[in-house]
Protein backbone atom coordinates (compact mmCIF):
# COMPACT_ATOMS: atom_id res chain seq x y z
CA MET A 1 -79.78 162.21 -45.66
CA LEU A 2 -80.90 161.22 -49.38
CA ASN A 3 -77.40 161.74 -50.58
CA HIS A 4 -75.76 159.63 -47.25
CA LYS A 5 -78.30 156.90 -48.06
CA ARG A 6 -76.94 156.51 -51.24
CA MET A 7 -73.32 156.45 -50.22
CA LEU A 8 -74.50 153.58 -47.86
CA ALA A 9 -76.14 151.59 -50.32
CA LEU A 10 -72.90 151.31 -52.81
CA ALA A 11 -70.65 151.37 -49.86
CA VAL A 12 -72.37 147.76 -49.28
CA ALA A 13 -73.04 146.85 -52.69
CA LEU A 14 -69.40 147.30 -53.10
CA LEU A 15 -68.66 145.40 -50.46
CA MET A 16 -70.57 142.54 -51.24
CA ALA A 17 -69.36 142.13 -54.44
CA MET A 18 -66.05 142.21 -53.10
CA ALA A 19 -67.28 138.98 -50.84
CA MET A 20 -68.49 137.41 -53.92
CA PHE A 21 -65.44 137.66 -55.97
CA THR A 22 -63.54 136.20 -53.29
CA GLY A 23 -65.43 133.51 -52.84
CA CYS A 24 -65.20 132.49 -56.70
CA GLY A 25 -61.48 131.96 -56.29
CA GLY A 26 -60.25 135.55 -54.38
CA SER A 27 -57.35 135.28 -52.09
CA ASP A 28 -59.66 134.88 -48.80
CA ALA A 29 -61.19 132.28 -49.70
CA SER A 30 -60.19 128.61 -48.45
CA LYS A 31 -61.31 124.69 -48.51
CA GLU A 32 -60.16 122.17 -46.31
CA ALA A 33 -58.89 119.77 -49.04
CA GLY A 34 -56.80 116.67 -48.40
CA GLY A 35 -55.90 118.08 -44.66
CA SER A 36 -54.92 120.98 -45.29
CA GLU A 37 -56.36 124.02 -46.02
CA GLU A 38 -55.75 125.62 -49.43
CA GLN A 39 -56.97 128.95 -50.99
CA ALA A 40 -60.13 127.97 -53.86
CA VAL A 41 -58.81 129.02 -57.05
CA ALA A 42 -61.29 129.75 -59.93
CA LEU A 43 -59.65 129.69 -63.64
CA THR A 44 -60.02 130.74 -67.10
CA PHE A 45 -59.50 128.59 -69.83
CA ALA A 46 -59.04 129.62 -73.06
CA ASN A 47 -59.49 127.06 -75.75
CA VAL A 48 -59.60 127.01 -79.87
CA THR A 49 -62.21 125.43 -82.48
CA SER A 50 -61.11 122.17 -83.01
CA GLN A 51 -63.43 119.40 -81.29
CA SER A 52 -60.68 117.03 -80.01
CA ALA A 53 -58.99 120.22 -78.27
CA LYS A 54 -62.53 121.31 -76.65
CA ASP A 55 -63.45 117.38 -75.97
CA ALA A 56 -59.53 117.83 -74.17
CA GLY A 57 -60.66 121.27 -71.94
CA GLN A 58 -63.20 119.12 -71.04
CA LYS A 59 -60.87 116.27 -69.82
CA PHE A 60 -58.33 119.03 -68.32
CA LYS A 61 -61.48 120.82 -66.23
CA GLU A 62 -62.56 117.24 -65.18
CA VAL A 63 -59.31 115.55 -63.89
CA VAL A 64 -58.31 119.09 -62.13
CA GLU A 65 -61.66 119.53 -60.23
CA ALA A 66 -61.44 115.83 -59.05
CA GLU A 67 -57.61 115.74 -58.39
CA SER A 68 -57.56 119.51 -56.71
CA ASN A 69 -60.50 117.81 -54.24
CA GLY A 70 -62.81 120.68 -55.70
CA THR A 71 -60.42 123.94 -54.86
CA ILE A 72 -60.12 124.29 -58.58
CA THR A 73 -62.70 125.09 -60.26
CA VAL A 74 -61.75 125.60 -64.75
CA ASN A 75 -63.96 127.86 -66.45
CA LEU A 76 -63.68 126.99 -70.32
CA PHE A 77 -64.23 129.20 -73.02
CA PRO A 78 -64.15 127.28 -76.57
CA ASP A 79 -64.07 128.20 -79.52
CA ASN A 80 -61.60 131.25 -79.60
CA GLN A 81 -64.06 133.37 -77.53
CA LEU A 82 -61.65 134.98 -75.70
CA GLY A 83 -59.52 136.06 -79.09
CA ASP A 84 -57.51 134.33 -81.37
CA ASP A 85 -54.48 131.85 -80.82
CA ARG A 86 -52.07 134.33 -80.15
CA VAL A 87 -54.44 137.34 -78.74
CA ALA A 88 -55.13 134.44 -76.01
CA ILE A 89 -51.50 133.56 -74.97
CA GLU A 90 -50.98 137.15 -74.85
CA THR A 91 -53.62 137.65 -72.66
CA THR A 92 -52.53 134.73 -70.45
CA GLN A 93 -48.86 136.09 -70.62
CA PHE A 94 -50.61 139.24 -69.09
CA GLY A 95 -52.84 137.44 -66.12
CA ASP A 96 -55.75 138.19 -67.92
CA ILE A 97 -56.33 134.58 -69.09
CA ASP A 98 -55.42 131.84 -66.74
CA ILE A 99 -54.75 129.06 -69.17
CA ALA A 100 -55.17 128.98 -73.09
CA VAL A 101 -54.44 126.55 -76.15
CA SER A 102 -52.41 127.98 -79.23
CA SER A 103 -51.11 126.55 -82.76
CA THR A 104 -47.09 127.22 -82.04
CA SER A 105 -46.87 128.61 -85.66
CA PRO A 106 -48.83 131.91 -84.79
CA LEU A 107 -46.20 132.20 -81.69
CA ALA A 108 -42.89 132.20 -83.12
CA ASN A 109 -42.37 135.91 -82.89
CA MET A 110 -43.30 135.69 -79.11
CA TYR A 111 -41.22 132.42 -78.20
CA ALA A 112 -38.28 131.88 -81.48
CA ASP A 113 -38.12 128.00 -80.35
CA PHE A 114 -41.42 127.17 -81.53
CA TYR A 115 -40.16 127.72 -85.44
CA LEU A 116 -38.80 124.25 -85.32
CA PHE A 117 -42.01 123.12 -85.77
CA ASP A 118 -42.42 125.38 -89.33
CA ALA A 119 -39.56 122.77 -90.22
CA PRO A 120 -40.53 120.29 -93.16
CA TYR A 121 -40.52 116.88 -91.98
CA ILE A 122 -39.08 116.71 -88.89
CA PHE A 123 -41.07 114.55 -87.80
CA LEU A 124 -42.30 111.39 -90.10
CA SER A 125 -44.71 109.76 -88.45
CA ASN A 126 -46.94 110.66 -85.14
CA GLU A 127 -45.34 108.93 -83.32
CA GLU A 128 -41.78 110.10 -84.03
CA ALA A 129 -43.84 113.52 -82.83
CA TYR A 130 -45.08 112.11 -79.85
CA GLN A 131 -41.83 110.88 -78.68
CA ASN A 132 -40.03 113.84 -79.15
CA LEU A 133 -42.62 116.37 -77.65
CA ASP A 134 -42.76 114.35 -74.57
CA GLY A 135 -39.32 113.94 -74.41
CA GLU A 136 -36.10 116.02 -73.72
CA VAL A 137 -36.33 118.33 -76.46
CA GLY A 138 -39.80 119.22 -75.88
CA LYS A 139 -39.78 119.92 -72.05
CA LYS A 140 -36.58 122.06 -72.96
CA VAL A 141 -39.05 123.76 -75.58
CA LEU A 142 -41.71 124.08 -72.15
CA ASP A 143 -39.82 125.50 -69.60
CA GLY A 144 -38.23 127.66 -72.03
CA MET A 145 -41.50 129.64 -72.24
CA GLU A 146 -40.59 130.40 -68.40
CA ALA A 147 -38.69 133.04 -69.88
CA ILE A 148 -41.82 135.05 -71.53
CA GLY A 149 -43.92 134.70 -67.98
CA ILE A 150 -45.79 131.73 -69.45
CA LYS A 151 -45.40 127.85 -67.95
CA GLY A 152 -45.68 125.84 -70.48
CA LEU A 153 -48.27 122.58 -69.67
CA CYS A 154 -48.22 120.02 -72.57
CA PHE A 155 -48.20 119.79 -76.28
CA TRP A 156 -51.46 118.86 -77.77
CA GLU A 157 -51.96 117.89 -81.19
CA ASN A 158 -52.99 120.15 -84.19
CA GLY A 159 -51.95 117.46 -86.62
CA PHE A 160 -49.82 116.97 -89.89
CA ARG A 161 -50.07 119.29 -92.96
CA ASN A 162 -50.78 117.36 -96.51
CA PHE A 163 -51.40 118.58 -99.78
CA THR A 164 -54.67 118.24 -102.33
CA ASN A 165 -54.74 119.30 -105.64
CA ASN A 166 -56.78 118.86 -108.69
CA THR A 167 -54.84 117.29 -111.12
CA VAL A 168 -52.31 114.57 -110.19
CA ALA A 169 -52.46 112.00 -107.47
CA VAL A 170 -49.05 113.39 -105.14
CA SER A 171 -46.65 110.88 -103.92
CA LYS A 172 -43.58 112.59 -104.79
CA PRO A 173 -41.60 116.19 -105.26
CA ALA A 174 -41.69 115.85 -108.70
CA ASP A 175 -45.19 115.65 -108.79
CA VAL A 176 -45.77 119.05 -107.59
CA LYS A 177 -43.22 120.88 -110.06
CA SER A 178 -44.61 124.27 -111.19
CA MET A 179 -47.87 123.81 -109.67
CA LYS A 180 -49.27 126.77 -107.70
CA VAL A 181 -49.32 126.28 -104.45
CA ARG A 182 -51.03 128.06 -101.66
CA THR A 183 -49.32 128.34 -98.50
CA MET A 184 -48.93 130.59 -95.62
CA GLU A 185 -46.97 134.07 -95.69
CA ASN A 186 -44.38 132.09 -93.74
CA GLU A 187 -40.33 131.90 -95.14
CA VAL A 188 -39.49 128.58 -94.31
CA HIS A 189 -42.40 126.83 -95.70
CA ILE A 190 -41.98 129.13 -98.62
CA ALA A 191 -38.61 128.13 -99.19
CA ALA A 192 -39.99 124.21 -99.03
CA TRP A 193 -41.97 124.67 -101.46
CA LYS A 194 -39.67 126.04 -104.00
CA ALA A 195 -36.73 123.40 -102.87
CA PHE A 196 -39.59 120.96 -104.36
CA GLY A 197 -40.36 122.27 -107.41
CA ALA A 198 -43.56 124.23 -106.74
CA ASN A 199 -44.79 127.94 -107.11
CA PRO A 200 -45.45 128.69 -103.57
CA THR A 201 -48.15 131.59 -103.60
CA PRO A 202 -49.16 132.94 -99.96
CA MET A 203 -52.88 134.00 -100.02
CA ALA A 204 -55.66 135.08 -97.33
CA PHE A 205 -57.11 131.78 -96.16
CA THR A 206 -60.97 133.38 -96.70
CA GLU A 207 -60.22 133.68 -100.09
CA LEU A 208 -59.07 130.11 -100.59
CA PHE A 209 -62.24 128.53 -101.60
CA THR A 210 -62.93 130.35 -104.44
CA ALA A 211 -59.21 129.98 -105.72
CA LEU A 212 -59.31 126.62 -105.97
CA GLN A 213 -62.70 126.27 -107.58
CA GLN A 214 -61.62 128.75 -109.81
CA GLY A 215 -58.20 127.79 -110.74
CA THR A 216 -56.45 130.90 -109.45
CA VAL A 217 -53.97 128.47 -107.52
CA ASP A 218 -53.88 124.55 -108.47
CA ALA A 219 -53.44 123.35 -104.98
CA GLU A 220 -53.36 124.05 -100.87
CA GLU A 221 -51.72 122.59 -98.19
CA ASN A 222 -53.58 122.03 -94.37
CA PRO A 223 -54.06 119.84 -91.89
CA LEU A 224 -57.23 117.50 -92.33
CA GLY A 225 -59.56 118.93 -89.74
CA ILE A 226 -59.09 121.90 -91.86
CA ILE A 227 -59.11 120.25 -95.08
CA ASP A 228 -62.72 118.93 -94.28
CA ALA A 229 -63.87 121.47 -92.21
CA ASN A 230 -63.45 123.90 -95.69
CA LYS A 231 -65.16 121.40 -98.08
CA PHE A 232 -62.30 121.31 -99.67
CA ALA A 233 -62.92 118.03 -101.20
CA GLU A 234 -65.61 119.57 -103.43
CA VAL A 235 -62.95 121.53 -105.38
CA GLN A 236 -60.26 118.90 -104.71
CA LYS A 237 -60.00 115.36 -106.33
CA TYR A 238 -56.59 114.26 -104.62
CA VAL A 239 -55.58 114.67 -100.47
CA SER A 240 -52.18 113.75 -100.79
CA MET A 241 -50.92 112.28 -97.17
CA THR A 242 -47.23 113.90 -97.40
CA GLN A 243 -47.35 115.05 -93.74
CA HIS A 244 -44.68 117.91 -94.44
CA VAL A 245 -44.85 119.86 -91.31
CA TYR A 246 -46.65 118.81 -87.83
CA THR A 247 -47.93 121.44 -86.03
CA PRO A 248 -48.92 120.87 -82.14
CA TYR A 249 -50.94 122.83 -79.88
CA VAL A 250 -49.06 123.93 -76.71
CA VAL A 251 -51.43 124.37 -73.63
CA CYS A 252 -50.08 126.82 -71.27
CA MET A 253 -50.69 128.94 -67.97
CA ASN A 254 -49.60 132.15 -66.30
CA LEU A 255 -46.33 131.48 -64.71
CA GLU A 256 -47.34 133.93 -61.69
CA LYS A 257 -50.49 131.90 -60.98
CA TYR A 258 -49.22 128.75 -61.60
CA ASN A 259 -46.44 129.45 -59.00
CA SER A 260 -49.15 130.80 -56.87
CA LEU A 261 -51.09 127.73 -55.99
CA SER A 262 -50.07 124.92 -53.58
CA ASP A 263 -48.32 121.92 -54.22
CA ALA A 264 -51.55 119.89 -54.49
CA GLN A 265 -52.54 121.87 -56.40
CA LYS A 266 -49.92 122.60 -58.99
CA ALA A 267 -49.86 118.43 -58.93
CA ALA A 268 -53.72 118.75 -59.80
CA ILE A 269 -52.31 121.06 -62.93
CA ASP A 270 -49.65 118.60 -64.19
CA LYS A 271 -51.84 115.57 -64.25
CA ALA A 272 -54.74 117.07 -65.75
CA ALA A 273 -51.97 118.35 -68.73
CA ALA A 274 -50.84 114.53 -69.14
CA ALA A 275 -54.19 112.82 -68.99
CA SER A 276 -55.72 115.49 -71.73
CA THR A 277 -53.11 115.08 -73.66
CA GLU A 278 -53.49 111.54 -73.88
CA TYR A 279 -57.12 111.50 -74.54
CA GLN A 280 -57.28 114.56 -77.27
CA ARG A 281 -54.31 112.41 -79.81
CA GLU A 282 -56.61 109.59 -79.13
CA VAL A 283 -59.76 111.66 -80.19
CA SER A 284 -57.62 113.55 -82.64
CA GLN A 285 -56.68 110.16 -84.52
CA ASN A 286 -60.26 108.45 -84.58
CA LEU A 287 -61.20 112.20 -86.55
CA GLU A 288 -58.84 111.93 -88.97
CA LYS A 289 -59.49 108.23 -89.68
CA GLU A 290 -63.68 109.41 -89.84
CA ILE A 291 -62.49 112.21 -92.37
CA ILE A 292 -60.61 110.04 -94.86
CA SER A 293 -63.40 107.91 -94.88
CA LYS A 294 -65.75 110.82 -95.11
CA ILE A 295 -64.03 112.33 -98.16
CA GLU A 296 -63.27 108.97 -99.99
CA GLY A 297 -66.84 108.57 -99.70
CA GLN A 298 -67.32 112.16 -101.70
CA GLY A 299 -64.92 110.50 -104.11
CA VAL A 300 -61.66 111.94 -103.15
CA THR A 301 -58.63 109.85 -103.52
CA VAL A 302 -56.42 109.69 -100.42
CA VAL A 303 -52.81 108.73 -101.66
CA GLN A 304 -50.76 107.23 -98.35
CA LEU A 305 -46.83 108.16 -98.65
CA THR A 306 -44.73 105.69 -97.84
CA ASP A 307 -41.74 106.39 -95.57
CA ALA A 308 -39.49 106.29 -98.46
CA GLU A 309 -41.60 108.57 -100.58
CA LYS A 310 -41.46 110.85 -97.12
CA ALA A 311 -37.89 110.39 -96.99
CA GLU A 312 -37.38 111.67 -100.78
CA TRP A 313 -39.31 115.12 -99.59
CA GLN A 314 -37.02 115.31 -96.47
CA SER A 315 -33.65 114.99 -98.28
CA ILE A 316 -34.71 117.75 -100.47
CA VAL A 317 -35.24 119.98 -97.65
CA THR A 318 -32.00 119.00 -96.01
CA ASP A 319 -30.26 119.40 -99.66
CA ALA A 320 -31.59 123.03 -99.99
CA LYS A 321 -30.62 124.30 -96.38
CA VAL A 322 -34.55 124.75 -95.56
CA TYR A 323 -33.28 123.40 -91.85
CA ASP A 324 -30.33 125.82 -91.68
CA LEU A 325 -33.16 128.64 -91.76
CA VAL A 326 -35.14 127.37 -89.29
CA LYS A 327 -31.79 127.41 -86.90
CA GLU A 328 -31.18 130.60 -87.78
CA LYS A 329 -34.81 131.51 -86.06
CA MET A 330 -34.13 129.79 -83.01
CA ASP A 331 -32.77 130.44 -79.61
CA HIS A 332 -31.75 126.93 -79.34
CA PRO A 333 -30.90 125.69 -82.77
CA GLU A 334 -29.21 122.62 -81.66
CA TYR A 335 -33.16 121.10 -81.09
CA VAL A 336 -33.01 120.51 -84.58
CA ASP A 337 -29.97 118.37 -84.76
CA THR A 338 -30.96 116.59 -81.51
CA ILE A 339 -34.51 115.41 -83.41
CA LEU A 340 -33.14 114.58 -86.94
CA ASN A 341 -30.03 112.70 -85.37
CA GLN A 342 -32.21 110.27 -83.99
């Protein structure tokens, strides 16, 4: 009898757990919304560490929940709590995470058209980047993710990579000749720095501060947010706004989960993607201005490049056939030409 009671209690507990699960977004839960009955859905949202992305994640949540009349709940997990960029996207692909944010660079091996964003000077300004990310090429890149089971929702801003060093106020390619520049282990980036006349030196990021401090490398390149967060201004005299590579964040969703939503819920997701993109880019730009002001206050010289100076860097990339290297890696190399020929 005792065993029977224990088995009965276990069965009741299991049924209660199942009821709680469906009540939090399972297939049996429903709500009246806009005059039609819709399933209530709870979405897991894995986000990155940058402040602008975390703020935009909150904006996404607010818009989705309001526009869906409460039938969608978004549970936020910022600061890579559910894994680094690549892990989060792979987990979204499998369906254990519903929505995730990642820089495009770690995903190029999964989705070859993201090599587009490794191309130096493919964009010469934020405005040019936004125009293309929100335009025909950007839409095609996002739509192409469906082939790997992912719904591409939008592009947020990770930002331009910029050059820092301790020797010279760099503004033109000749300024970096023979400099030992720490780069990522990235074939395209390495080819570009060789073309500029530098000595690209792949190195683990965790070793970089000490390497700059001790002079093991002469220079490095990263977005301003990373330069500031890692206190490189303490060991670098010059930050040159070379803006040589623009890396976006991609916000994406498990395709099967997206397709399971009602039309009204899909519209809420799409509206949140657009609203959070506009918001995130504005926050990102404001943070960059704050960082520039901060590091100038620390005695760092910030060098702003003219359009003509950027064009000189881009010309070297073109002559060295770095864009051809990028196109060889992509499924749709015509995207490179579409952007460059505008």
